[in-house]
Amino acid sequence: MKKFFLILSLFLSIGFVQAEELPNIQVDLRDYHGIIVPTGTFIPVMNTQEISTQTCSEGYKVKFIATNDLYMHDTNIIPKDTVFFGYIEKINAPVVGTNAAMKIRISKMIYSDGYETPIRGYLYTSNNNLFGGEMSEPVKYIKMAQRQQRIKRTTIQLQPSAERKMGSHTTIPTGSNEIIILTSPAWITHTVTN
């Protein structure tokens, strides 16, 4: 039992000696807390590669670059040249009457200093964030006579037939300006200072 107390006191004394030798280190903390970027925020970006329903498949990784600084509360929360990564979440192949369509999900952003932040968003379109999916061109146009009452003259007008051509593939060209819309709030705890 005496040996146990001797060994215990020896370890404790070594620990106190080592603790006294360490310098007192103070960590400089930033003077702000995190910022919540709300759902529905638009982020202007530029496409870095061609994305096509013809050559890409679901899960294909995509990359975009921010074209402007995004400020909130006088803080540059998303600086220009921040890189956004995502993937093609859904692809609809072209069919007779409808063009191909795709939906692109954005999953993270990386600042210029390498700091990575997860986000949830989509590449925005007014069609529920779906690129493409429009009606394809009509097979032919039918001539229809139109009588104008005021002039008392008949004109021939072309109207599309009910039959449609095979749909075409949808492509987002390289360098096109797009918009990312956040679908859930983003918690920003890091900013880049120059």
C-alpha atoms as a PDB file:
ATOM      1  CA  MET A   1       0.000   0.000   0.000  1.00  0.00           C
ATOM      2  CA  LYS A   2       2.912   2.328   0.756  1.00  0.00           C
ATOM      3  CA  LYS A   3       4.308   1.631  -2.698  1.00  0.00           C
ATOM      4  CA  PHE A   4       0.999   2.576  -4.293  1.00  0.00           C
ATOM      5  CA  PHE A   5       0.872   5.953  -2.497  1.00  0.00           C
ATOM      6  CA  LEU A   6       4.519   6.566  -3.327  1.00  0.00           C
ATOM      7  CA  ILE A   7       3.936   5.947  -7.050  1.00  0.00           C
ATOM      8  CA  LEU A   8       0.753   8.027  -7.012  1.00  0.00           C
ATOM      9  CA  SER A   9       2.474  10.984  -5.332  1.00  0.00           C
ATOM     10  CA  LEU A  10       5.370  10.680  -7.790  1.00  0.00           C
ATOM     11  CA  PHE A  11       2.987  10.941 -10.801  1.00  0.00           C
ATOM     12  CA  LEU A  12       1.114  13.854  -9.293  1.00  0.00           C
ATOM     13  CA  SER A  13       4.292  15.781  -8.556  1.00  0.00           C
ATOM     14  CA  ILE A  14       5.554  15.244 -12.118  1.00  0.00           C
ATOM     15  CA  GLY A  15       2.207  16.492 -13.438  1.00  0.00           C
ATOM     16  CA  PHE A  16       2.377  19.670 -11.326  1.00  0.00           C
ATOM     17  CA  VAL A  17       5.943  20.366 -12.415  1.00  0.00           C
ATOM     18  CA  GLN A  18       5.052  19.983 -16.092  1.00  0.00           C
ATOM     19  CA  ALA A  19       1.974  22.188 -15.722  1.00  0.00           C
ATOM     20  CA  GLU A  20       4.025  24.980 -14.143  1.00  0.00           C
ATOM     21  CA  GLU A  21       6.579  24.876 -16.970  1.00  0.00           C
ATOM     22  CA  LEU A  22       3.979  25.399 -19.749  1.00  0.00           C
ATOM     23  CA  PRO A  23       3.511  29.010 -20.869  1.00  0.00           C
ATOM     24  CA  ASN A  24       0.067  30.568 -20.545  1.00  0.00           C
ATOM     25  CA  ILE A  25      -1.311  30.529 -24.120  1.00  0.00           C
ATOM     26  CA  GLN A  26      -4.306  32.718 -24.997  1.00  0.00           C
ATOM     27  CA  VAL A  27      -6.221  31.990 -28.181  1.00  0.00           C
ATOM     28  CA  ASP A  28      -7.440  35.036 -30.089  1.00  0.00           C
ATOM     29  CA  LEU A  29     -11.113  34.470 -30.828  1.00  0.00           C
ATOM     30  CA  ARG A  30     -12.962  36.225 -33.608  1.00  0.00           C
ATOM     31  CA  ASP A  31     -15.174  39.114 -32.633  1.00  0.00           C
ATOM     32  CA  TYR A  32     -18.356  37.714 -34.226  1.00  0.00           C
ATOM     33  CA  HIS A  33     -20.648  34.750 -34.019  1.00  0.00           C
ATOM     34  CA  GLY A  34     -21.977  32.689 -36.891  1.00  0.00           C
ATOM     35  CA  ILE A  35     -24.395  34.152 -39.403  1.00  0.00           C
ATOM     36  CA  ILE A  36     -27.501  32.319 -40.598  1.00  0.00           C
ATOM     37  CA  VAL A  37     -28.164  32.760 -44.310  1.00  0.00           C
ATOM     38  CA  PRO A  38     -31.940  32.250 -44.718  1.00  0.00           C
ATOM     39  CA  THR A  39     -33.746  29.801 -46.963  1.00  0.00           C
ATOM     40  CA  GLY A  40     -34.493  31.264 -50.399  1.00  0.00           C
ATOM     41  CA  THR A  41     -31.273  33.289 -50.673  1.00  0.00           C
ATOM     42  CA  PHE A  42     -30.048  33.659 -54.269  1.00  0.00           C
ATOM     43  CA  ILE A  43     -26.323  33.280 -54.985  1.00  0.00           C
ATOM     44  CA  PRO A  44     -25.119  34.270 -58.499  1.00  0.00           C
ATOM     45  CA  VAL A  45     -22.646  31.755 -59.943  1.00  0.00           C
ATOM     46  CA  MET A  46     -20.963  30.790 -63.210  1.00  0.00           C
ATOM     47  CA  ASN A  47     -20.876  27.274 -64.652  1.00  0.00           C
ATOM     48  CA  THR A  48     -17.360  25.824 -65.079  1.00  0.00           C
ATOM     49  CA  GLN A  49     -18.121  22.909 -67.414  1.00  0.00           C
ATOM     50  CA  GLU A  50     -20.766  21.903 -69.937  1.00  0.00           C
ATOM     51  CA  ILE A  51     -23.588  19.944 -68.327  1.00  0.00           C
ATOM     52  CA  SER A  52     -25.780  17.966 -70.721  1.00  0.00           C
ATOM     53  CA  THR A  53     -28.450  15.316 -70.376  1.00  0.00           C
ATOM     54  CA  GLN A  54     -26.834  13.593 -73.362  1.00  0.00           C
ATOM     55  CA  THR A  55     -23.359  13.085 -71.861  1.00  0.00           C
ATOM     56  CA  CYS A  56     -23.956  13.190 -68.083  1.00  0.00           C
ATOM     57  CA  SER A  57     -25.755  10.762 -65.802  1.00  0.00           C
ATOM     58  CA  GLU A  58     -27.436  11.068 -62.406  1.00  0.00           C
ATOM     59  CA  GLY A  59     -24.808  11.658 -59.713  1.00  0.00           C
ATOM     60  CA  TYR A  60     -22.462  13.508 -62.101  1.00  0.00           C
ATOM     61  CA  LYS A  61     -20.465  16.053 -60.080  1.00  0.00           C
ATOM     62  CA  VAL A  62     -20.736  19.715 -61.078  1.00  0.00           C
ATOM     63  CA  LYS A  63     -18.830  22.859 -60.085  1.00  0.00           C
ATOM     64  CA  PHE A  64     -19.798  26.543 -60.032  1.00  0.00           C
ATOM     65  CA  ILE A  65     -17.937  29.727 -59.042  1.00  0.00           C
ATOM     66  CA  ALA A  66     -19.505  32.744 -57.296  1.00  0.00           C
ATOM     67  CA  THR A  67     -19.455  35.814 -59.550  1.00  0.00           C
ATOM     68  CA  ASN A  68     -20.203  38.440 -56.868  1.00  0.00           C
ATOM     69  CA  ASP A  69     -19.562  39.049 -53.184  1.00  0.00           C
ATOM     70  CA  LEU A  70     -22.592  38.270 -51.012  1.00  0.00           C
ATOM     71  CA  TYR A  71     -22.900  40.547 -47.975  1.00  0.00           C
ATOM     72  CA  MET A  72     -25.029  40.178 -44.880  1.00  0.00           C
ATOM     73  CA  HIS A  73     -24.885  42.522 -41.869  1.00  0.00           C
ATOM     74  CA  ASP A  74     -21.844  44.330 -43.360  1.00  0.00           C
ATOM     75  CA  THR A  75     -19.962  41.025 -43.525  1.00  0.00           C
ATOM     76  CA  ASN A  76     -18.831  39.428 -46.768  1.00  0.00           C
ATOM     77  CA  ILE A  77     -20.198  35.937 -46.070  1.00  0.00           C
ATOM     78  CA  ILE A  78     -19.669  34.499 -49.563  1.00  0.00           C
ATOM     79  CA  PRO A  79     -16.776  36.202 -51.354  1.00  0.00           C
ATOM     80  CA  LYS A  80     -16.360  36.293 -55.106  1.00  0.00           C
ATOM     81  CA  ASP A  81     -14.601  33.165 -56.478  1.00  0.00           C
ATOM     82  CA  THR A  82     -16.031  30.854 -53.782  1.00  0.00           C
ATOM     83  CA  VAL A  83     -16.463  27.414 -55.366  1.00  0.00           C
ATOM     84  CA  PHE A  84     -19.760  25.504 -55.121  1.00  0.00           C
ATOM     85  CA  PHE A  85     -20.001  21.754 -55.660  1.00  0.00           C
ATOM     86  CA  GLY A  86     -23.024  19.619 -56.360  1.00  0.00           C
ATOM     87  CA  TYR A  87     -24.354  16.817 -58.499  1.00  0.00           C
ATOM     88  CA  ILE A  88     -27.122  16.022 -60.965  1.00  0.00           C
ATOM     89  CA  GLU A  89     -29.927  14.741 -58.782  1.00  0.00           C
ATOM     90  CA  LYS A  90     -32.397  13.745 -61.493  1.00  0.00           C
ATOM     91  CA  ILE A  91     -32.384  13.337 -65.283  1.00  0.00           C
ATOM     92  CA  ASN A  92     -35.421  12.809 -67.502  1.00  0.00           C
ATOM     93  CA  ALA A  93     -34.568  11.510 -70.982  1.00  0.00           C
ATOM     94  CA  PRO A  94     -36.116  13.172 -74.042  1.00  0.00           C
ATOM     95  CA  VAL A  95     -39.335  11.604 -75.317  1.00  0.00           C
ATOM     96  CA  VAL A  96     -41.739  12.400 -78.133  1.00  0.00           C
ATOM     97  CA  GLY A  97     -43.304  15.737 -77.272  1.00  0.00           C
ATOM     98  CA  THR A  98     -40.989  16.684 -74.360  1.00  0.00           C
ATOM     99  CA  ASN A  99     -37.344  17.765 -74.195  1.00  0.00           C
ATOM    100  CA  ALA A 100     -34.910  16.234 -71.703  1.00  0.00           C
ATOM    101  CA  ALA A 101     -34.741  17.709 -68.188  1.00  0.00           C
ATOM    102  CA  MET A 102     -32.362  17.680 -65.222  1.00  0.00           C
ATOM    103  CA  LYS A 103     -32.292  18.906 -61.617  1.00  0.00           C
ATOM    104  CA  ILE A 104     -28.963  19.963 -60.058  1.00  0.00           C
ATOM    105  CA  ARG A 105     -28.448  19.874 -56.285  1.00  0.00           C
ATOM    106  CA  ILE A 106     -25.733  21.948 -54.560  1.00  0.00           C
ATOM    107  CA  SER A 107     -24.162  20.322 -51.487  1.00  0.00           C
ATOM    108  CA  LYS A 108     -21.122  22.354 -50.370  1.00  0.00           C
ATOM    109  CA  MET A 109     -19.053  25.477 -50.887  1.00  0.00           C
ATOM    110  CA  ILE A 110     -15.312  25.959 -50.478  1.00  0.00           C
ATOM    111  CA  TYR A 111     -13.777  29.357 -49.738  1.00  0.00           C
ATOM    112  CA  SER A 112     -10.554  30.520 -51.413  1.00  0.00           C
ATOM    113  CA  ASP A 113      -8.579  29.583 -48.272  1.00  0.00           C
ATOM    114  CA  GLY A 114      -9.828  25.968 -48.443  1.00  0.00           C
ATOM    115  CA  TYR A 115     -12.470  26.127 -45.676  1.00  0.00           C
ATOM    116  CA  GLU A 116     -15.451  23.905 -46.566  1.00  0.00           C
ATOM    117  CA  THR A 117     -19.069  24.563 -45.551  1.00  0.00           C
ATOM    118  CA  PRO A 118     -22.013  22.232 -46.258  1.00  0.00           C
ATOM    119  CA  ILE A 119     -25.103  23.865 -47.780  1.00  0.00           C
ATOM    120  CA  ARG A 120     -28.379  22.669 -49.263  1.00  0.00           C
ATOM    121  CA  GLY A 121     -29.617  24.227 -52.448  1.00  0.00           C
ATOM    122  CA  TYR A 122     -30.488  23.822 -56.099  1.00  0.00           C
ATOM    123  CA  LEU A 123     -29.536  25.505 -59.328  1.00  0.00           C
ATOM    124  CA  TYR A 124     -32.553  27.806 -59.725  1.00  0.00           C
ATOM    125  CA  THR A 125     -35.134  27.875 -62.512  1.00  0.00           C
ATOM    126  CA  SER A 126     -38.700  29.127 -62.429  1.00  0.00           C
ATOM    127  CA  ASN A 127     -39.835  25.605 -63.397  1.00  0.00           C
ATOM    128  CA  ASN A 128     -39.350  24.108 -59.890  1.00  0.00           C
ATOM    129  CA  ASN A 129     -35.531  24.121 -60.406  1.00  0.00           C
ATOM    130  CA  LEU A 130     -35.850  21.791 -63.402  1.00  0.00           C
ATOM    131  CA  PHE A 131     -33.685  22.616 -66.457  1.00  0.00           C
ATOM    132  CA  GLY A 132     -35.408  21.711 -69.717  1.00  0.00           C
ATOM    133  CA  GLY A 133     -38.638  19.700 -69.896  1.00  0.00           C
ATOM    134  CA  GLU A 134     -40.332  22.014 -72.411  1.00  0.00           C
ATOM    135  CA  MET A 135     -42.584  20.813 -75.213  1.00  0.00           C
ATOM    136  CA  SER A 136     -40.685  19.816 -78.340  1.00  0.00           C
ATOM    137  CA  GLU A 137     -41.242  21.402 -81.750  1.00  0.00           C
ATOM    138  CA  PRO A 138     -44.399  20.502 -83.701  1.00  0.00           C
ATOM    139  CA  VAL A 139     -44.060  18.055 -86.582  1.00  0.00           C
ATOM    140  CA  LYS A 140     -45.724  20.473 -89.024  1.00  0.00           C
ATOM    141  CA  TYR A 141     -47.675  23.699 -89.202  1.00  0.00           C
ATOM    142  CA  ILE A 142     -51.231  23.814 -90.548  1.00  0.00           C
ATOM    143  CA  LYS A 143     -52.514  26.730 -92.632  1.00  0.00           C
ATOM    144  CA  MET A 144     -55.604  28.292 -91.116  1.00  0.00           C
ATOM    145  CA  ALA A 145     -57.725  31.059 -92.632  1.00  0.00           C
ATOM    146  CA  GLN A 146     -58.376  34.002 -90.310  1.00  0.00           C
ATOM    147  CA  ARG A 147     -61.141  36.475 -91.177  1.00  0.00           C
ATOM    148  CA  GLN A 148     -60.567  40.037 -89.994  1.00  0.00           C
ATOM    149  CA  GLN A 149     -63.831  41.903 -89.460  1.00  0.00           C
ATOM    150  CA  ARG A 150     -62.642  45.515 -89.561  1.00  0.00           C
ATOM    151  CA  ILE A 151     -60.681  45.259 -92.780  1.00  0.00           C
ATOM    152  CA  LYS A 152     -62.928  42.593 -94.318  1.00  0.00           C
ATOM    153  CA  ARG A 153     -59.985  40.588 -95.432  1.00  0.00           C
ATOM    154  CA  THR A 154     -58.900  36.986 -94.917  1.00  0.00           C
ATOM    155  CA  THR A 155     -55.323  36.130 -93.967  1.00  0.00           C
ATOM    156  CA  ILE A 156     -53.573  32.789 -93.759  1.00  0.00           C
ATOM    157  CA  GLN A 157     -52.035  31.959 -90.384  1.00  0.00           C
ATOM    158  CA  LEU A 158     -49.794  28.998 -89.536  1.00  0.00           C
ATOM    159  CA  GLN A 159     -50.720  27.035 -86.421  1.00  0.00           C
ATOM    160  CA  PRO A 160     -48.759  24.110 -84.948  1.00  0.00           C
ATOM    161  CA  SER A 161     -50.197  20.639 -85.360  1.00  0.00           C
ATOM    162  CA  ALA A 162     -51.010  18.468 -82.363  1.00  0.00           C
ATOM    163  CA  GLU A 163     -48.180  16.049 -83.240  1.00  0.00           C
ATOM    164  CA  ARG A 164     -44.764  16.796 -81.743  1.00  0.00           C
ATOM    165  CA  LYS A 165     -41.194  15.823 -82.703  1.00  0.00           C
ATOM    166  CA  MET A 166     -38.828  13.761 -80.597  1.00  0.00           C
ATOM    167  CA  GLY A 167     -37.504  15.892 -77.732  1.00  0.00           C
ATOM    168  CA  SER A 168     -33.937  17.187 -77.704  1.00  0.00           C
ATOM    169  CA  HIS A 169     -31.289  17.048 -74.993  1.00  0.00           C
ATOM    170  CA  THR A 170     -30.868  19.935 -72.535  1.00  0.00           C
ATOM    171  CA  THR A 171     -27.455  21.564 -72.098  1.00  0.00           C
ATOM    172  CA  ILE A 172     -26.094  24.178 -69.704  1.00  0.00           C
ATOM    173  CA  PRO A 173     -23.100  25.697 -71.539  1.00  0.00           C
ATOM    174  CA  THR A 174     -19.730  26.451 -69.983  1.00  0.00           C
ATOM    175  CA  GLY A 175     -19.499  29.980 -68.616  1.00  0.00           C
ATOM    176  CA  SER A 176     -23.248  30.519 -68.354  1.00  0.00           C
ATOM    177  CA  ASN A 177     -24.468  32.671 -65.476  1.00  0.00           C
ATOM    178  CA  GLU A 178     -26.815  30.780 -63.163  1.00  0.00           C
ATOM    179  CA  ILE A 179     -28.326  31.241 -59.703  1.00  0.00           C
ATOM    180  CA  ILE A 180     -28.188  28.947 -56.673  1.00  0.00           C
ATOM    181  CA  ILE A 181     -31.179  29.046 -54.323  1.00  0.00           C
ATOM    182  CA  LEU A 182     -30.776  27.798 -50.748  1.00  0.00           C
ATOM    183  CA  THR A 183     -33.441  25.286 -49.670  1.00  0.00           C
ATOM    184  CA  SER A 184     -32.452  25.339 -45.996  1.00  0.00           C
ATOM    185  CA  PRO A 185     -30.652  27.915 -43.840  1.00  0.00           C
ATOM    186  CA  ALA A 186     -26.857  27.942 -44.121  1.00  0.00           C
ATOM    187  CA  TRP A 187     -24.809  28.441 -40.948  1.00  0.00           C
ATOM    188  CA  ILE A 188     -21.759  30.554 -41.859  1.00  0.00           C
ATOM    189  CA  THR A 189     -19.061  30.532 -39.174  1.00  0.00           C
ATOM    190  CA  HIS A 190     -16.076  31.394 -41.372  1.00  0.00           C
ATOM    191  CA  THR A 191     -15.223  34.404 -43.496  1.00  0.00           C
ATOM    192  CA  VAL A 192     -12.211  35.123 -45.657  1.00  0.00           C
ATOM    193  CA  THR A 193     -10.203  38.210 -44.763  1.00  0.00           C
ATOM    194  CA  ASN A 194      -7.728  39.598 -47.250  1.00  0.00           C
END
